[in-house]
Every structure is written in C-alpha cells, then in structure tokens.
N, C-alpha and C. Protein backbone atom coordinates (compact mmCIF):
# COMPACT_ATOMS: atom_id res chain seq x y z
N UNK A 1 -3.28 12.31 5.68
CA UNK A 1 -2.89 12.09 4.29
C UNK A 1 -3.59 13.13 3.43
N UNK A 2 -2.82 13.76 2.59
CA UNK A 2 -3.39 14.77 1.70
C UNK A 2 -3.87 14.12 0.41
N UNK A 3 -4.59 14.89 -0.39
CA UNK A 3 -5.19 14.38 -1.63
C UNK A 3 -4.19 14.10 -2.74
N UNK A 4 -2.95 14.54 -2.61
CA UNK A 4 -2.01 14.37 -3.72
C UNK A 4 -1.29 13.02 -3.68
N UNK A 5 -1.58 12.16 -2.72
CA UNK A 5 -0.97 10.84 -2.66
C UNK A 5 -1.61 9.93 -3.70
N UNK A 6 -0.85 8.92 -4.15
CA UNK A 6 -1.31 8.04 -5.23
C UNK A 6 -1.47 6.62 -4.71
N UNK A 7 -2.58 6.01 -5.08
CA UNK A 7 -2.80 4.61 -4.71
C UNK A 7 -1.88 3.74 -5.56
N UNK A 8 -1.11 2.88 -4.90
CA UNK A 8 -0.16 2.04 -5.62
C UNK A 8 -0.49 0.56 -5.49
N UNK A 9 -1.29 0.19 -4.52
CA UNK A 9 -1.55 -1.23 -4.28
C UNK A 9 -2.93 -1.40 -3.67
N UNK A 10 -3.65 -2.44 -4.10
CA UNK A 10 -4.96 -2.77 -3.56
C UNK A 10 -5.06 -4.27 -3.41
N UNK A 11 -5.63 -4.71 -2.29
CA UNK A 11 -5.81 -6.14 -2.05
C UNK A 11 -6.99 -6.35 -1.11
N UNK A 12 -7.54 -7.55 -1.13
CA UNK A 12 -8.57 -7.93 -0.16
C UNK A 12 -7.96 -8.56 1.08
N UNK A 13 -6.64 -8.78 1.05
CA UNK A 13 -5.92 -9.42 2.14
C UNK A 13 -5.17 -8.36 2.96
N UNK A 14 -5.65 -8.11 4.17
CA UNK A 14 -5.04 -7.08 5.02
C UNK A 14 -3.58 -7.39 5.29
N UNK A 15 -3.26 -8.64 5.60
CA UNK A 15 -1.90 -8.99 5.98
C UNK A 15 -0.92 -8.85 4.82
N UNK A 16 -1.34 -9.18 3.62
CA UNK A 16 -0.48 -9.00 2.45
C UNK A 16 -0.25 -7.51 2.20
N UNK A 17 -1.28 -6.72 2.38
CA UNK A 17 -1.15 -5.27 2.20
C UNK A 17 -0.19 -4.69 3.23
N UNK A 18 -0.27 -5.16 4.46
CA UNK A 18 0.64 -4.69 5.50
C UNK A 18 2.08 -5.11 5.17
N UNK A 19 2.26 -6.28 4.62
CA UNK A 19 3.58 -6.74 4.20
C UNK A 19 4.16 -5.82 3.12
N UNK A 20 3.34 -5.46 2.15
CA UNK A 20 3.78 -4.54 1.09
C UNK A 20 4.17 -3.19 1.70
N UNK A 21 3.35 -2.69 2.60
CA UNK A 21 3.65 -1.41 3.24
C UNK A 21 4.97 -1.47 4.01
N UNK A 22 5.18 -2.56 4.73
CA UNK A 22 6.42 -2.70 5.51
C UNK A 22 7.66 -2.75 4.60
N UNK A 23 7.55 -3.43 3.48
CA UNK A 23 8.67 -3.49 2.54
C UNK A 23 8.98 -2.10 2.00
N UNK A 24 7.95 -1.34 1.68
CA UNK A 24 8.17 0.02 1.19
C UNK A 24 8.84 0.88 2.27
N UNK A 25 8.38 0.76 3.50
CA UNK A 25 8.96 1.52 4.61
C UNK A 25 10.42 1.12 4.82
N UNK A 26 10.73 -0.16 4.69
CA UNK A 26 12.12 -0.61 4.82
C UNK A 26 13.02 0.00 3.75
N UNK A 27 12.44 0.35 2.61
CA UNK A 27 13.19 1.01 1.53
C UNK A 27 13.07 2.54 1.65
N UNK A 28 12.67 3.01 2.83
CA UNK A 28 12.57 4.43 3.14
C UNK A 28 11.58 5.17 2.26
N UNK A 29 10.49 4.49 1.93
CA UNK A 29 9.39 5.12 1.19
C UNK A 29 8.20 5.20 2.15
N UNK A 30 7.73 6.42 2.37
CA UNK A 30 6.59 6.59 3.25
C UNK A 30 5.35 6.04 2.56
N UNK A 31 4.69 5.11 3.23
CA UNK A 31 3.50 4.47 2.66
C UNK A 31 2.40 4.46 3.71
N UNK A 32 1.18 4.71 3.26
CA UNK A 32 0.03 4.77 4.15
C UNK A 32 -0.95 3.67 3.74
N UNK A 33 -1.40 2.91 4.73
CA UNK A 33 -2.37 1.84 4.50
C UNK A 33 -3.76 2.37 4.86
N UNK A 34 -4.71 2.19 3.96
CA UNK A 34 -6.09 2.62 4.18
C UNK A 34 -6.98 1.39 4.15
N UNK A 35 -7.49 0.99 5.31
CA UNK A 35 -8.30 -0.22 5.45
C UNK A 35 -9.76 0.14 5.19
N UNK A 36 -10.31 -0.34 4.08
CA UNK A 36 -11.70 -0.08 3.73
C UNK A 36 -12.58 -1.31 3.95
N UNK A 37 -12.05 -2.28 4.69
CA UNK A 37 -12.82 -3.49 4.96
C UNK A 37 -13.84 -3.20 6.05
N UNK A 38 -15.05 -3.69 5.85
CA UNK A 38 -16.11 -3.46 6.81
C UNK A 38 -16.02 -4.38 8.00
N UNK A 39 -16.39 -3.86 9.14
CA UNK A 39 -16.40 -4.66 10.37
C UNK A 39 -17.79 -5.26 10.51
N UNK A 40 -18.00 -6.44 10.94
CA UNK A 40 -17.07 -7.43 11.46
C UNK A 40 -16.65 -8.45 10.41
N UNK A 41 -17.12 -8.32 9.18
CA UNK A 41 -16.92 -9.38 8.19
C UNK A 41 -15.64 -9.23 7.37
N UNK A 42 -14.98 -8.10 7.47
CA UNK A 42 -13.74 -7.85 6.74
C UNK A 42 -13.90 -8.07 5.23
N UNK A 43 -14.98 -7.52 4.69
CA UNK A 43 -15.22 -7.57 3.25
C UNK A 43 -14.88 -6.19 2.68
N UNK A 44 -14.07 -6.18 1.67
CA UNK A 44 -13.67 -4.92 1.06
C UNK A 44 -12.20 -4.92 0.73
N UNK A 45 -11.67 -3.75 0.47
CA UNK A 45 -10.29 -3.64 0.02
C UNK A 45 -9.42 -2.90 1.02
N UNK A 46 -8.14 -3.18 0.93
CA UNK A 46 -7.12 -2.46 1.69
C UNK A 46 -6.22 -1.82 0.64
N UNK A 47 -6.00 -0.51 0.77
CA UNK A 47 -5.24 0.23 -0.22
C UNK A 47 -3.97 0.81 0.39
N UNK A 48 -2.94 0.92 -0.42
CA UNK A 48 -1.69 1.54 0.00
C UNK A 48 -1.43 2.74 -0.90
N UNK A 49 -1.09 3.85 -0.25
CA UNK A 49 -0.81 5.10 -0.96
C UNK A 49 0.62 5.53 -0.70
N UNK A 50 1.23 6.14 -1.72
CA UNK A 50 2.57 6.71 -1.59
C UNK A 50 2.56 8.13 -2.17
N UNK A 51 3.56 8.89 -1.81
CA UNK A 51 3.70 10.24 -2.35
C UNK A 51 4.09 10.14 -3.83
N UNK A 52 3.60 11.03 -4.66
CA UNK A 52 3.91 10.97 -6.10
C UNK A 52 5.41 10.92 -6.42
N UNK A 53 6.23 11.56 -5.61
CA UNK A 53 7.68 11.55 -5.86
C UNK A 53 8.28 10.15 -5.70
N UNK A 54 7.61 9.29 -4.94
CA UNK A 54 8.12 7.94 -4.67
C UNK A 54 7.40 6.86 -5.47
N UNK A 55 6.46 7.25 -6.32
CA UNK A 55 5.62 6.27 -7.00
C UNK A 55 6.42 5.28 -7.84
N UNK A 56 7.30 5.77 -8.69
CA UNK A 56 8.05 4.89 -9.60
C UNK A 56 8.93 3.92 -8.83
N UNK A 57 9.65 4.43 -7.83
CA UNK A 57 10.52 3.57 -7.03
C UNK A 57 9.71 2.52 -6.27
N UNK A 58 8.58 2.92 -5.71
CA UNK A 58 7.72 1.99 -4.98
C UNK A 58 7.17 0.91 -5.91
N UNK A 59 6.77 1.30 -7.10
CA UNK A 59 6.25 0.34 -8.07
C UNK A 59 7.32 -0.68 -8.44
N UNK A 60 8.54 -0.23 -8.65
CA UNK A 60 9.64 -1.14 -8.97
C UNK A 60 9.92 -2.11 -7.83
N UNK A 61 9.83 -1.66 -6.60
CA UNK A 61 10.04 -2.53 -5.44
C UNK A 61 8.95 -3.58 -5.36
N UNK A 62 7.71 -3.19 -5.58
CA UNK A 62 6.60 -4.15 -5.54
C UNK A 62 6.76 -5.19 -6.63
N UNK A 63 7.10 -4.76 -7.83
CA UNK A 63 7.28 -5.70 -8.94
C UNK A 63 8.49 -6.61 -8.69
N UNK A 64 9.57 -6.04 -8.23
CA UNK A 64 10.78 -6.82 -7.97
C UNK A 64 10.54 -7.90 -6.92
N UNK A 65 9.73 -7.61 -5.91
CA UNK A 65 9.45 -8.55 -4.84
C UNK A 65 8.24 -9.43 -5.14
N UNK A 66 7.67 -9.28 -6.34
CA UNK A 66 6.51 -10.08 -6.77
C UNK A 66 5.39 -10.07 -5.75
N UNK A 67 5.03 -8.87 -5.29
CA UNK A 67 3.98 -8.74 -4.29
C UNK A 67 2.64 -8.49 -4.92
C-alpha cells in the first residue's frame, strides 16, 4: 500500500471492519484492511484504506449500508 491511500473506516471490532472491506470489494472498490490490534489481547484499532479516486463512492456505500 502506498502513502496516497486514504483511511475511510476505523473500528475496534475486527469482524465488522472485515465486513465493511468485503462490501467495498463486492462493489469493485479496492480496500485494504490494516490490523493495528496488539497480540494477544486484541486491543487497538482496525483501519480500512481506499484509493483517493474511490473515496466518495466508498463513503456513500458505507453510509448507505449503515456500517
């Protein structure tokens, strides 16, 4: 992942973040999940990044699906 990607979603719930990523992928938006939760306690955040060209469309999909 290059530095020009934009963070679009953050959660403490890994599974919810993966669900958001999968929905974006189903809409043909490349999305990358970055797990920042520490092992073994899983404390921290999980972030999803998209390419700037897809940011607006991805945001609309997240809002539309109430994620």
